[in-house]
C-alpha atoms as a PDB file:
ATOM      1  CA  UNK A   1       0.372   0.141  -0.153  1.00  0.00           C
ATOM      2  CA  UNK A   2       1.216   3.917  -1.065  1.00  0.00           C
ATOM      3  CA  UNK A   3       2.074   5.688   1.632  1.00  0.00           C
ATOM      4  CA  UNK A   4       1.655   8.752   0.145  1.00  0.00           C
ATOM      5  CA  UNK A   5      -1.990  10.137   1.246  1.00  0.00           C
ATOM      6  CA  UNK A   6      -2.422  11.799  -2.575  1.00  0.00           C
ATOM      7  CA  UNK A   7      -1.273   9.398  -4.078  1.00  0.00           C
ATOM      8  CA  UNK A   8      -4.323   6.996  -2.014  1.00  0.00           C
ATOM      9  CA  UNK A   9      -7.019   9.773  -2.520  1.00  0.00           C
ATOM     10  CA  UNK A  10      -6.798   9.590  -6.264  1.00  0.00           C
ATOM     11  CA  UNK A  11      -6.323   6.201  -6.752  1.00  0.00           C
ATOM     12  CA  UNK A  12      -9.558   5.836  -4.504  1.00  0.00           C
ATOM     13  CA  UNK A  13     -12.113   8.012  -7.009  1.00  0.00           C
ATOM     14  CA  UNK A  14     -10.478   6.759  -9.867  1.00  0.00           C
ATOM     15  CA  UNK A  15     -11.959   3.195  -8.181  1.00  0.00           C
ATOM     16  CA  UNK A  16     -14.707   4.606  -7.149  1.00  0.00           C
ATOM     17  CA  UNK A  17     -15.781   6.624 -10.238  1.00  0.00           C
ATOM     18  CA  UNK A  18     -19.961   5.803 -10.420  1.00  0.00           C
ATOM     19  CA  UNK A  19     -19.955   3.293 -12.534  1.00  0.00           C
ATOM     20  CA  UNK A  20     -18.267  -0.335 -12.615  1.00  0.00           C
ATOM     21  CA  UNK A  21     -17.985   0.325 -16.390  1.00  0.00           C
ATOM     22  CA  UNK A  22     -15.852   3.352 -15.543  1.00  0.00           C
ATOM     23  CA  UNK A  23     -14.182   2.082 -12.371  1.00  0.00           C
ATOM     24  CA  UNK A  24     -12.150  -0.704 -14.100  1.00  0.00           C
ATOM     25  CA  UNK A  25     -12.174   2.040 -16.470  1.00  0.00           C
ATOM     26  CA  UNK A  26     -10.797   5.332 -15.237  1.00  0.00           C
ATOM     27  CA  UNK A  27      -9.105   3.064 -11.791  1.00  0.00           C
ATOM     28  CA  UNK A  28      -7.028   0.687 -14.546  1.00  0.00           C
ATOM     29  CA  UNK A  29      -5.854   3.501 -16.378  1.00  0.00           C
ATOM     30  CA  UNK A  30      -4.717   4.757 -12.616  1.00  0.00           C
ATOM     31  CA  UNK A  31      -2.902   1.444 -11.885  1.00  0.00           C
ATOM     32  CA  UNK A  32      -1.310   0.685 -14.692  1.00  0.00           C
ATOM     33  CA  UNK A  33       0.365   4.246 -15.304  1.00  0.00           C
ATOM     34  CA  UNK A  34      -0.365   6.276 -11.686  1.00  0.00           C
ATOM     35  CA  UNK A  35       3.680   5.443 -11.179  1.00  0.00           C
ATOM     36  CA  UNK A  36       5.325   6.723 -14.177  1.00  0.00           C
ATOM     37  CA  UNK A  37       3.849   9.932 -14.317  1.00  0.00           C
ATOM     38  CA  UNK A  38       5.556  13.343 -12.848  1.00  0.00           C
ATOM     39  CA  UNK A  39       3.761  16.091 -11.736  1.00  0.00           C
ATOM     40  CA  UNK A  40       2.519  17.420 -14.524  1.00  0.00           C
ATOM     41  CA  UNK A  41       1.057  13.841 -16.517  1.00  0.00           C
ATOM     42  CA  UNK A  42      -0.996  13.691 -12.056  1.00  0.00           C
ATOM     43  CA  UNK A  43      -2.193  17.028 -12.364  1.00  0.00           C
ATOM     44  CA  UNK A  44      -3.578  16.242 -15.856  1.00  0.00           C
ATOM     45  CA  UNK A  45      -5.105  13.354 -14.325  1.00  0.00           C
ATOM     46  CA  UNK A  46      -6.279  15.207 -11.201  1.00  0.00           C
ATOM     47  CA  UNK A  47      -8.118  17.421 -13.574  1.00  0.00           C
ATOM     48  CA  UNK A  48      -9.396  14.199 -16.064  1.00  0.00           C
ATOM     49  CA  UNK A  49     -10.754  12.555 -13.103  1.00  0.00           C
ATOM     50  CA  UNK A  50     -13.528  15.956 -13.250  1.00  0.00           C
ATOM     51  CA  UNK A  51     -15.123  14.521 -16.880  1.00  0.00           C
ATOM     52  CA  UNK A  52     -18.139  13.233 -16.482  1.00  0.00           C
ATOM     53  CA  UNK A  53     -18.288   9.518 -17.202  1.00  0.00           C
ATOM     54  CA  UNK A  54     -20.164   9.424 -19.599  1.00  0.00           C
ATOM     55  CA  UNK A  55     -18.100  11.756 -21.572  1.00  0.00           C
ATOM     56  CA  UNK A  56     -15.426   9.280 -19.861  1.00  0.00           C
ATOM     57  CA  UNK A  57     -16.631   5.931 -21.828  1.00  0.00           C
ATOM     58  CA  UNK A  58     -17.464   7.588 -24.924  1.00  0.00           C
ATOM     59  CA  UNK A  59     -14.694   9.085 -25.889  1.00  0.00           C
ATOM     60  CA  UNK A  60     -12.269   5.531 -24.223  1.00  0.00           C
ATOM     61  CA  UNK A  61     -14.878   3.622 -26.515  1.00  0.00           C
ATOM     62  CA  UNK A  62     -14.708   6.080 -29.791  1.00  0.00           C
ATOM     63  CA  UNK A  63     -18.152   6.851 -29.450  1.00  0.00           C
ATOM     64  CA  UNK A  64     -17.680  10.427 -28.793  1.00  0.00           C
ATOM     65  CA  UNK A  65     -14.987  12.880 -29.888  1.00  0.00           C
ATOM     66  CA  UNK A  66     -12.283  13.765 -27.957  1.00  0.00           C
ATOM     67  CA  UNK A  67     -12.511  17.287 -27.835  1.00  0.00           C
ATOM     68  CA  UNK A  68      -9.366  19.262 -27.956  1.00  0.00           C
ATOM     69  CA  UNK A  69      -8.728  20.312 -24.812  1.00  0.00           C
ATOM     70  CA  UNK A  70      -7.729  16.688 -23.221  1.00  0.00           C
ATOM     71  CA  UNK A  71      -6.332  15.250 -26.650  1.00  0.00           C
ATOM     72  CA  UNK A  72      -2.119  14.188 -25.881  1.00  0.00           C
ATOM     73  CA  UNK A  73       0.566  11.464 -24.736  1.00  0.00           C
ATOM     74  CA  UNK A  74      -1.835  11.125 -21.736  1.00  0.00           C
ATOM     75  CA  UNK A  75      -4.527  10.533 -23.538  1.00  0.00           C
ATOM     76  CA  UNK A  76      -3.539   8.612 -26.665  1.00  0.00           C
ATOM     77  CA  UNK A  77      -2.639   6.582 -23.734  1.00  0.00           C
ATOM     78  CA  UNK A  78      -5.164   5.777 -22.351  1.00  0.00           C
ATOM     79  CA  UNK A  79      -7.431   5.676 -25.643  1.00  0.00           C
ATOM     80  CA  UNK A  80      -5.128   2.461 -25.712  1.00  0.00           C
ATOM     81  CA  UNK A  81      -6.648   0.702 -22.793  1.00  0.00           C
ATOM     82  CA  UNK A  82      -4.624  -1.949 -22.484  1.00  0.00           C
ATOM     83  CA  UNK A  83      -4.806  -1.992 -19.188  1.00  0.00           C
ATOM     84  CA  UNK A  84      -8.468  -2.861 -19.515  1.00  0.00           C
ATOM     85  CA  UNK A  85      -9.168  -6.901 -17.865  1.00  0.00           C
ATOM     86  CA  UNK A  86     -10.856  -8.821 -20.259  1.00  0.00           C
ATOM     87  CA  UNK A  87     -12.396 -12.623 -17.680  1.00  0.00           C
END
């Protein structure tokens, strides 16, 4: 368990979105990549978590376009969905 309260808070928020699909998507992204994030990337993720689940899932599934403000390397990594475990 991480002793950093900021990381623990981000993890909790990432895994408690409100829908199971968003939990797995946002939480899975956090679990897979957070250890490699710098301060700017962590700040991006904090802002990202403020978005609505319906929008995040729409971007992830490609049913709605990603707004220009969110486009970039972090979103590119998110859209790969290579962190979602399918059982």
